Amino acid sequence: VVFGAAIGSRITEVEGVSYGAFLVP
């Protein structure tokens, strides 16, 4: 909720992966 929504709105992708999915591992 915090990282995915707040930061994810500014960092949409990391190395071609959505930021929310990048967080999972």
mmCIF file of all heavy atoms, coordinates in Angstrom:
data_MODEL
# 
_entry.id   MODEL 
# 
loop_
_atom_site.group_PDB 
_atom_site.id 
_atom_site.type_symbol 
_atom_site.label_atom_id 
_atom_site.label_alt_id 
_atom_site.label_comp_id 
_atom_site.label_asym_id 
_atom_site.label_entity_id 
_atom_site.label_seq_id 
_atom_site.pdbx_PDB_ins_code 
_atom_site.Cartn_x 
_atom_site.Cartn_y 
_atom_site.Cartn_z 
_atom_site.occupancy 
_atom_site.B_iso_or_equiv 
_atom_site.pdbx_formal_charge 
_atom_site.auth_seq_id 
_atom_site.auth_comp_id 
_atom_site.auth_asym_id 
_atom_site.auth_atom_id 
_atom_site.pdbx_PDB_model_num 
ATOM 1   N N   . VAL A 1 1  ? 0.838  -1.199  0.000   1.00 0.00 ? 1  VAL A N   1 
ATOM 2   C CA  . VAL A 1 1  ? 0.000  0.000   0.000   1.00 0.00 ? 1  VAL A CA  1 
ATOM 3   C C   . VAL A 1 1  ? 0.876  1.254   0.000   1.00 0.00 ? 1  VAL A C   1 
ATOM 4   O O   . VAL A 1 1  ? 0.664  2.188   -0.785  1.00 0.00 ? 1  VAL A O   1 
ATOM 5   C CB  . VAL A 1 1  ? -0.946 0.005   1.209   1.00 0.00 ? 1  VAL A CB  1 
ATOM 6   C CG1 . VAL A 1 1  ? -1.643 1.351   1.333   1.00 0.00 ? 1  VAL A CG1 1 
ATOM 7   C CG2 . VAL A 1 1  ? -1.974 -1.109  1.086   1.00 0.00 ? 1  VAL A CG2 1 
ATOM 8   N N   . VAL A 1 2  ? 1.882  1.269   0.885   1.00 0.00 ? 2  VAL A N   1 
ATOM 9   C CA  . VAL A 1 2  ? 2.730  2.451   1.029   1.00 0.00 ? 2  VAL A CA  1 
ATOM 10  C C   . VAL A 1 2  ? 3.729  2.573   -0.115  1.00 0.00 ? 2  VAL A C   1 
ATOM 11  O O   . VAL A 1 2  ? 3.768  3.567   -0.843  1.00 0.00 ? 2  VAL A O   1 
ATOM 12  C CB  . VAL A 1 2  ? 3.465  2.441   2.384   1.00 0.00 ? 2  VAL A CB  1 
ATOM 13  C CG1 . VAL A 1 2  ? 4.431  3.616   2.472   1.00 0.00 ? 2  VAL A CG1 1 
ATOM 14  C CG2 . VAL A 1 2  ? 2.453  2.490   3.522   1.00 0.00 ? 2  VAL A CG2 1 
ATOM 15  N N   . PHE A 1 3  ? 4.553  1.524   -0.292  1.00 0.00 ? 3  PHE A N   1 
ATOM 16  C CA  . PHE A 1 3  ? 5.581  1.580   -1.321  1.00 0.00 ? 3  PHE A CA  1 
ATOM 17  C C   . PHE A 1 3  ? 4.983  1.474   -2.716  1.00 0.00 ? 3  PHE A C   1 
ATOM 18  O O   . PHE A 1 3  ? 5.360  2.214   -3.624  1.00 0.00 ? 3  PHE A O   1 
ATOM 19  C CB  . PHE A 1 3  ? 6.601  0.459   -1.114  1.00 0.00 ? 3  PHE A CB  1 
ATOM 20  C CG  . PHE A 1 3  ? 7.557  0.708   0.013   1.00 0.00 ? 3  PHE A CG  1 
ATOM 21  C CD1 . PHE A 1 3  ? 7.259  0.292   1.295   1.00 0.00 ? 3  PHE A CD1 1 
ATOM 22  C CD2 . PHE A 1 3  ? 8.759  1.352   -0.207  1.00 0.00 ? 3  PHE A CD2 1 
ATOM 23  C CE1 . PHE A 1 3  ? 8.139  0.513   2.337   1.00 0.00 ? 3  PHE A CE1 1 
ATOM 24  C CE2 . PHE A 1 3  ? 9.649  1.592   0.822   1.00 0.00 ? 3  PHE A CE2 1 
ATOM 25  C CZ  . PHE A 1 3  ? 9.334  1.168   2.105   1.00 0.00 ? 3  PHE A CZ  1 
ATOM 26  N N   . GLY A 1 4  ? 4.064  0.521   -2.881  1.00 0.00 ? 4  GLY A N   1 
ATOM 27  C CA  . GLY A 1 4  ? 3.497  0.302   -4.207  1.00 0.00 ? 4  GLY A CA  1 
ATOM 28  C C   . GLY A 1 4  ? 2.683  1.476   -4.689  1.00 0.00 ? 4  GLY A C   1 
ATOM 29  O O   . GLY A 1 4  ? 2.774  1.879   -5.851  1.00 0.00 ? 4  GLY A O   1 
ATOM 30  N N   . ALA A 1 5  ? 1.865  2.051   -3.814  1.00 0.00 ? 5  ALA A N   1 
ATOM 31  C CA  . ALA A 1 5  ? 0.995  3.149   -4.227  1.00 0.00 ? 5  ALA A CA  1 
ATOM 32  C C   . ALA A 1 5  ? 1.739  4.484   -4.240  1.00 0.00 ? 5  ALA A C   1 
ATOM 33  O O   . ALA A 1 5  ? 1.704  5.218   -5.228  1.00 0.00 ? 5  ALA A O   1 
ATOM 34  C CB  . ALA A 1 5  ? -0.214 3.231   -3.293  1.00 0.00 ? 5  ALA A CB  1 
ATOM 35  N N   . ALA A 1 6  ? 2.422  4.794   -3.145  1.00 0.00 ? 6  ALA A N   1 
ATOM 36  C CA  . ALA A 1 6  ? 3.082  6.102   -3.037  1.00 0.00 ? 6  ALA A CA  1 
ATOM 37  C C   . ALA A 1 6  ? 4.309  6.195   -3.941  1.00 0.00 ? 6  ALA A C   1 
ATOM 38  O O   . ALA A 1 6  ? 4.393  7.068   -4.806  1.00 0.00 ? 6  ALA A O   1 
ATOM 39  C CB  . ALA A 1 6  ? 3.468  6.359   -1.583  1.00 0.00 ? 6  ALA A CB  1 
ATOM 40  N N   . ILE A 1 7  ? 5.251  5.271   -3.753  1.00 0.00 ? 7  ILE A N   1 
ATOM 41  C CA  . ILE A 1 7  ? 6.487  5.325   -4.543  1.00 0.00 ? 7  ILE A CA  1 
ATOM 42  C C   . ILE A 1 7  ? 6.246  4.785   -5.949  1.00 0.00 ? 7  ILE A C   1 
ATOM 43  O O   . ILE A 1 7  ? 6.832  5.254   -6.917  1.00 0.00 ? 7  ILE A O   1 
ATOM 44  C CB  . ILE A 1 7  ? 7.611  4.540   -3.834  1.00 0.00 ? 7  ILE A CB  1 
ATOM 45  C CG1 . ILE A 1 7  ? 7.875  5.154   -2.459  1.00 0.00 ? 7  ILE A CG1 1 
ATOM 46  C CG2 . ILE A 1 7  ? 8.879  4.539   -4.665  1.00 0.00 ? 7  ILE A CG2 1 
ATOM 47  C CD1 . ILE A 1 7  ? 8.928  4.432   -1.662  1.00 0.00 ? 7  ILE A CD1 1 
ATOM 48  N N   . GLY A 1 8  ? 5.363  3.777   -6.050  1.00 0.00 ? 8  GLY A N   1 
ATOM 49  C CA  . GLY A 1 8  ? 5.091  3.185   -7.358  1.00 0.00 ? 8  GLY A CA  1 
ATOM 50  C C   . GLY A 1 8  ? 4.493  4.167   -8.342  1.00 0.00 ? 8  GLY A C   1 
ATOM 51  O O   . GLY A 1 8  ? 4.634  4.005   -9.562  1.00 0.00 ? 8  GLY A O   1 
ATOM 52  N N   . SER A 1 9  ? 3.838  5.202   -7.853  1.00 0.00 ? 9  SER A N   1 
ATOM 53  C CA  . SER A 1 9  ? 3.283  6.213   -8.748  1.00 0.00 ? 9  SER A CA  1 
ATOM 54  C C   . SER A 1 9  ? 4.382  7.084   -9.351  1.00 0.00 ? 9  SER A C   1 
ATOM 55  O O   . SER A 1 9  ? 4.190  7.731   -10.382 1.00 0.00 ? 9  SER A O   1 
ATOM 56  C CB  . SER A 1 9  ? 2.286  7.097   -7.986  1.00 0.00 ? 9  SER A CB  1 
ATOM 57  O OG  . SER A 1 9  ? 2.935  7.781   -6.916  1.00 0.00 ? 9  SER A OG  1 
ATOM 58  N N   . ARG A 1 10 ? 5.540  7.101   -8.707  1.00 0.00 ? 10 ARG A N   1 
ATOM 59  C CA  . ARG A 1 10 ? 6.674  7.886   -9.204  1.00 0.00 ? 10 ARG A CA  1 
ATOM 60  C C   . ARG A 1 10 ? 7.688  7.000   -9.937  1.00 0.00 ? 10 ARG A C   1 
ATOM 61  O O   . ARG A 1 10 ? 8.326  7.445   -10.883 1.00 0.00 ? 10 ARG A O   1 
ATOM 62  C CB  . ARG A 1 10 ? 7.357  8.608   -8.039  1.00 0.00 ? 10 ARG A CB  1 
ATOM 63  C CG  . ARG A 1 10 ? 6.430  9.585   -7.307  1.00 0.00 ? 10 ARG A CG  1 
ATOM 64  C CD  . ARG A 1 10 ? 7.116  10.192  -6.102  1.00 0.00 ? 10 ARG A CD  1 
ATOM 65  N NE  . ARG A 1 10 ? 6.219  11.104  -5.395  1.00 0.00 ? 10 ARG A NE  1 
ATOM 66  C CZ  . ARG A 1 10 ? 6.105  12.394  -5.674  1.00 0.00 ? 10 ARG A CZ  1 
ATOM 67  N NH1 . ARG A 1 10 ? 6.819  12.926  -6.651  1.00 0.00 ? 10 ARG A NH1 1 
ATOM 68  N NH2 . ARG A 1 10 ? 5.267  13.166  -4.990  1.00 0.00 ? 10 ARG A NH2 1 
ATOM 69  N N   . ILE A 1 11 ? 7.856  5.759   -9.435  1.00 0.00 ? 11 ILE A N   1 
ATOM 70  C CA  . ILE A 1 11 ? 8.759  4.804   -10.102 1.00 0.00 ? 11 ILE A CA  1 
ATOM 71  C C   . ILE A 1 11 ? 7.865  3.704   -10.691 1.00 0.00 ? 11 ILE A C   1 
ATOM 72  O O   . ILE A 1 11 ? 7.484  2.767   -9.990  1.00 0.00 ? 11 ILE A O   1 
ATOM 73  C CB  . ILE A 1 11 ? 9.778  4.193   -9.119  1.00 0.00 ? 11 ILE A CB  1 
ATOM 74  C CG1 . ILE A 1 11 ? 10.548 5.295   -8.387  1.00 0.00 ? 11 ILE A CG1 1 
ATOM 75  C CG2 . ILE A 1 11 ? 10.749 3.286   -9.848  1.00 0.00 ? 11 ILE A CG2 1 
ATOM 76  C CD1 . ILE A 1 11 ? 11.473 4.768   -7.306  1.00 0.00 ? 11 ILE A CD1 1 
ATOM 77  N N   . THR A 1 12 ? 7.511  3.838   -11.946 1.00 0.00 ? 12 THR A N   1 
ATOM 78  C CA  . THR A 1 12 ? 6.551  2.896   -12.538 1.00 0.00 ? 12 THR A CA  1 
ATOM 79  C C   . THR A 1 12 ? 7.187  1.542   -12.824 1.00 0.00 ? 12 THR A C   1 
ATOM 80  O O   . THR A 1 12 ? 6.548  0.505   -12.643 1.00 0.00 ? 12 THR A O   1 
ATOM 81  C CB  . THR A 1 12 ? 5.977  3.471   -13.841 1.00 0.00 ? 12 THR A CB  1 
ATOM 82  O OG1 . THR A 1 12 ? 7.057  3.806   -14.731 1.00 0.00 ? 12 THR A OG1 1 
ATOM 83  C CG2 . THR A 1 12 ? 5.157  4.717   -13.552 1.00 0.00 ? 12 THR A CG2 1 
ATOM 84  N N   . GLU A 1 13 ? 8.456  1.541   -13.261 1.00 0.00 ? 13 GLU A N   1 
ATOM 85  C CA  . GLU A 1 13 ? 9.123  0.295   -13.613 1.00 0.00 ? 13 GLU A CA  1 
ATOM 86  C C   . GLU A 1 13 ? 10.569 0.298   -13.139 1.00 0.00 ? 13 GLU A C   1 
ATOM 87  O O   . GLU A 1 13 ? 11.194 1.355   -13.033 1.00 0.00 ? 13 GLU A O   1 
ATOM 88  C CB  . GLU A 1 13 ? 9.098  0.063   -15.127 1.00 0.00 ? 13 GLU A CB  1 
ATOM 89  C CG  . GLU A 1 13 ? 7.734  -0.271  -15.708 1.00 0.00 ? 13 GLU A CG  1 
ATOM 90  C CD  . GLU A 1 13 ? 7.810  -0.655  -17.161 1.00 0.00 ? 13 GLU A CD  1 
ATOM 91  O OE1 . GLU A 1 13 ? 8.917  -0.537  -17.753 1.00 0.00 ? 13 GLU A OE1 1 
ATOM 92  O OE2 . GLU A 1 13 ? 6.791  -1.102  -17.718 1.00 0.00 ? 13 GLU A OE2 1 
ATOM 93  N N   . VAL A 1 14 ? 11.057 -0.910  -12.862 1.00 0.00 ? 14 VAL A N   1 
ATOM 94  C CA  . VAL A 1 14 ? 12.475 -1.112  -12.551 1.00 0.00 ? 14 VAL A CA  1 
ATOM 95  C C   . VAL A 1 14 ? 12.953 -2.261  -13.422 1.00 0.00 ? 14 VAL A C   1 
ATOM 96  O O   . VAL A 1 14 ? 12.490 -3.396  -13.278 1.00 0.00 ? 14 VAL A O   1 
ATOM 97  C CB  . VAL A 1 14 ? 12.705 -1.450  -11.061 1.00 0.00 ? 14 VAL A CB  1 
ATOM 98  C CG1 . VAL A 1 14 ? 14.195 -1.681  -10.805 1.00 0.00 ? 14 VAL A CG1 1 
ATOM 99  C CG2 . VAL A 1 14 ? 12.186 -0.344  -10.171 1.00 0.00 ? 14 VAL A CG2 1 
ATOM 100 N N   . GLU A 1 15 ? 13.826 -1.945  -14.366 1.00 0.00 ? 15 GLU A N   1 
ATOM 101 C CA  . GLU A 1 15 ? 14.365 -2.941  -15.296 1.00 0.00 ? 15 GLU A CA  1 
ATOM 102 C C   . GLU A 1 15 ? 13.245 -3.695  -16.026 1.00 0.00 ? 15 GLU A C   1 
ATOM 103 O O   . GLU A 1 15 ? 13.309 -4.918  -16.196 1.00 0.00 ? 15 GLU A O   1 
ATOM 104 C CB  . GLU A 1 15 ? 15.294 -3.917  -14.567 1.00 0.00 ? 15 GLU A CB  1 
ATOM 105 C CG  . GLU A 1 15 ? 16.500 -3.228  -13.941 1.00 0.00 ? 15 GLU A CG  1 
ATOM 106 C CD  . GLU A 1 15 ? 17.495 -4.226  -13.364 1.00 0.00 ? 15 GLU A CD  1 
ATOM 107 O OE1 . GLU A 1 15 ? 17.523 -5.377  -13.830 1.00 0.00 ? 15 GLU A OE1 1 
ATOM 108 O OE2 . GLU A 1 15 ? 18.235 -3.850  -12.439 1.00 0.00 ? 15 GLU A OE2 1 
ATOM 109 N N   . GLY A 1 16 ? 12.224 -2.958  -16.418 1.00 0.00 ? 16 GLY A N   1 
ATOM 110 C CA  . GLY A 1 16 ? 11.141 -3.541  -17.199 1.00 0.00 ? 16 GLY A CA  1 
ATOM 111 C C   . GLY A 1 16 ? 10.064 -4.237  -16.394 1.00 0.00 ? 16 GLY A C   1 
ATOM 112 O O   . GLY A 1 16 ? 9.126  -4.797  -16.959 1.00 0.00 ? 16 GLY A O   1 
ATOM 113 N N   . VAL A 1 17 ? 10.168 -4.203  -15.071 1.00 0.00 ? 17 VAL A N   1 
ATOM 114 C CA  . VAL A 1 17 ? 9.180  -4.845  -14.196 1.00 0.00 ? 17 VAL A CA  1 
ATOM 115 C C   . VAL A 1 17 ? 8.472  -3.751  -13.401 1.00 0.00 ? 17 VAL A C   1 
ATOM 116 O O   . VAL A 1 17 ? 9.119  -2.813  -12.921 1.00 0.00 ? 17 VAL A O   1 
ATOM 117 C CB  . VAL A 1 17 ? 9.859  -5.840  -13.229 1.00 0.00 ? 17 VAL A CB  1 
ATOM 118 C CG1 . VAL A 1 17 ? 8.841  -6.473  -12.283 1.00 0.00 ? 17 VAL A CG1 1 
ATOM 119 C CG2 . VAL A 1 17 ? 10.592 -6.915  -14.013 1.00 0.00 ? 17 VAL A CG2 1 
ATOM 120 N N   . SER A 1 18 ? 7.157  -3.853  -13.266 1.00 0.00 ? 18 SER A N   1 
ATOM 121 C CA  . SER A 1 18 ? 6.428  -2.859  -12.482 1.00 0.00 ? 18 SER A CA  1 
ATOM 122 C C   . SER A 1 18 ? 6.979  -2.823  -11.063 1.00 0.00 ? 18 SER A C   1 
ATOM 123 O O   . SER A 1 18 ? 7.366  -3.856  -10.504 1.00 0.00 ? 18 SER A O   1 
ATOM 124 C CB  . SER A 1 18 ? 4.939  -3.184  -12.460 1.00 0.00 ? 18 SER A CB  1 
ATOM 125 O OG  . SER A 1 18 ? 4.687  -4.364  -11.714 1.00 0.00 ? 18 SER A OG  1 
ATOM 126 N N   . TYR A 1 19 ? 6.978  -1.624  -10.473 1.00 0.00 ? 19 TYR A N   1 
ATOM 127 C CA  . TYR A 1 19 ? 7.616  -1.477  -9.167  1.00 0.00 ? 19 TYR A CA  1 
ATOM 128 C C   . TYR A 1 19 ? 6.945  -2.342  -8.100  1.00 0.00 ? 19 TYR A C   1 
ATOM 129 O O   . TYR A 1 19 ? 7.621  -2.915  -7.244  1.00 0.00 ? 19 TYR A O   1 
ATOM 130 C CB  . TYR A 1 19 ? 7.602  -0.012  -8.730  1.00 0.00 ? 19 TYR A CB  1 
ATOM 131 C CG  . TYR A 1 19 ? 8.361  0.220   -7.455  1.00 0.00 ? 19 TYR A CG  1 
ATOM 132 C CD1 . TYR A 1 19 ? 9.746  0.072   -7.411  1.00 0.00 ? 19 TYR A CD1 1 
ATOM 133 C CD2 . TYR A 1 19 ? 7.698  0.561   -6.275  1.00 0.00 ? 19 TYR A CD2 1 
ATOM 134 C CE1 . TYR A 1 19 ? 10.451 0.257   -6.237  1.00 0.00 ? 19 TYR A CE1 1 
ATOM 135 C CE2 . TYR A 1 19 ? 8.400  0.760   -5.099  1.00 0.00 ? 19 TYR A CE2 1 
ATOM 136 C CZ  . TYR A 1 19 ? 9.770  0.609   -5.084  1.00 0.00 ? 19 TYR A CZ  1 
ATOM 137 O OH  . TYR A 1 19 ? 10.478 0.784   -3.919  1.00 0.00 ? 19 TYR A OH  1 
ATOM 138 N N   . GLY A 1 20 ? 5.617  -2.460  -8.165  1.00 0.00 ? 20 GLY A N   1 
ATOM 139 C CA  . GLY A 1 20 ? 4.916  -3.292  -7.192  1.00 0.00 ? 20 GLY A CA  1 
ATOM 140 C C   . GLY A 1 20 ? 5.374  -4.738  -7.270  1.00 0.00 ? 20 GLY A C   1 
ATOM 141 O O   . GLY A 1 20 ? 5.611  -5.394  -6.243  1.00 0.00 ? 20 GLY A O   1 
ATOM 142 N N   . ALA A 1 21 ? 5.498  -5.264  -8.499  1.00 0.00 ? 21 ALA A N   1 
ATOM 143 C CA  . ALA A 1 21 ? 5.961  -6.644  -8.670  1.00 0.00 ? 21 ALA A CA  1 
ATOM 144 C C   . ALA A 1 21 ? 7.426  -6.781  -8.276  1.00 0.00 ? 21 ALA A C   1 
ATOM 145 O O   . ALA A 1 21 ? 7.849  -7.811  -7.734  1.00 0.00 ? 21 ALA A O   1 
ATOM 146 C CB  . ALA A 1 21 ? 5.758  -7.081  -10.119 1.00 0.00 ? 21 ALA A CB  1 
ATOM 147 N N   . PHE A 1 22 ? 8.225  -5.734  -8.521  1.00 0.00 ? 22 PHE A N   1 
ATOM 148 C CA  . PHE A 1 22 ? 9.642  -5.751  -8.174  1.00 0.00 ? 22 PHE A CA  1 
ATOM 149 C C   . PHE A 1 22 ? 9.847  -5.894  -6.672  1.00 0.00 ? 22 PHE A C   1 
ATOM 150 O O   . PHE A 1 22 ? 10.830 -6.489  -6.220  1.00 0.00 ? 22 PHE A O   1 
ATOM 151 C CB  . PHE A 1 22 ? 10.302 -4.460  -8.678  1.00 0.00 ? 22 PHE A CB  1 
ATOM 152 C CG  . PHE A 1 22 ? 11.777 -4.397  -8.471  1.00 0.00 ? 22 PHE A CG  1 
ATOM 153 C CD1 . PHE A 1 22 ? 12.652 -4.949  -9.395  1.00 0.00 ? 22 PHE A CD1 1 
ATOM 154 C CD2 . PHE A 1 22 ? 12.314 -3.779  -7.350  1.00 0.00 ? 22 PHE A CD2 1 
ATOM 155 C CE1 . PHE A 1 22 ? 14.028 -4.892  -9.202  1.00 0.00 ? 22 PHE A CE1 1 
ATOM 156 C CE2 . PHE A 1 22 ? 13.682 -3.712  -7.148  1.00 0.00 ? 22 PHE A CE2 1 
ATOM 157 C CZ  . PHE A 1 22 ? 14.544 -4.270  -8.082  1.00 0.00 ? 22 PHE A CZ  1 
ATOM 158 N N   . LEU A 1 23 ? 8.891  -5.370  -5.909  1.00 0.00 ? 23 LEU A N   1 
ATOM 159 C CA  . LEU A 1 23 ? 9.001  -5.417  -4.446  1.00 0.00 ? 23 LEU A CA  1 
ATOM 160 C C   . LEU A 1 23 ? 8.848  -6.822  -3.882  1.00 0.00 ? 23 LEU A C   1 
ATOM 161 O O   . LEU A 1 23 ? 9.378  -7.124  -2.808  1.00 0.00 ? 23 LEU A O   1 
ATOM 162 C CB  . LEU A 1 23 ? 7.922  -4.531  -3.812  1.00 0.00 ? 23 LEU A CB  1 
ATOM 163 C CG  . LEU A 1 23 ? 8.077  -3.018  -3.864  1.00 0.00 ? 23 LEU A CG  1 
ATOM 164 C CD1 . LEU A 1 23 ? 6.860  -2.364  -3.247  1.00 0.00 ? 23 LEU A CD1 1 
ATOM 165 C CD2 . LEU A 1 23 ? 9.335  -2.576  -3.143  1.00 0.00 ? 23 LEU A CD2 1 
ATOM 166 N N   . VAL A 1 24 ? 8.091  -7.676  -4.574  1.00 0.00 ? 24 VAL A N   1 
ATOM 167 C CA  . VAL A 1 24 ? 7.672  -8.957  -3.995  1.00 0.00 ? 24 VAL A CA  1 
ATOM 168 C C   . VAL A 1 24 ? 8.838  -9.801  -3.485  1.00 0.00 ? 24 VAL A C   1 
ATOM 169 O O   . VAL A 1 24 ? 8.825  -10.235 -2.322  1.00 0.00 ? 24 VAL A O   1 
ATOM 170 C CB  . VAL A 1 24 ? 6.810  -9.749  -5.001  1.00 0.00 ? 24 VAL A CB  1 
ATOM 171 C CG1 . VAL A 1 24 ? 6.490  -11.143 -4.450  1.00 0.00 ? 24 VAL A CG1 1 
ATOM 172 C CG2 . VAL A 1 24 ? 5.525  -8.989  -5.304  1.00 0.00 ? 24 VAL A CG2 1 
ATOM 173 N N   . PRO A 1 25 ? 9.869  -10.097 -4.288  1.00 0.00 ? 25 PRO A N   1 
ATOM 174 C CA  . PRO A 1 25 ? 10.977 -10.930 -3.763  1.00 0.00 ? 25 PRO A CA  1 
ATOM 175 C C   . PRO A 1 25 ? 11.661 -10.322 -2.551  1.00 0.00 ? 25 PRO A C   1 
ATOM 176 O O   . PRO A 1 25 ? 12.028 -11.038 -1.612  1.00 0.00 ? 25 PRO A O   1 
ATOM 177 C CB  . PRO A 1 25 ? 11.936 -11.022 -4.961  1.00 0.00 ? 25 PRO A CB  1 
ATOM 178 C CG  . PRO A 1 25 ? 11.085 -10.764 -6.154  1.00 0.00 ? 25 PRO A CG  1 
ATOM 179 C CD  . PRO A 1 25 ? 10.075 -9.767  -5.711  1.00 0.00 ? 25 PRO A CD  1 
# 
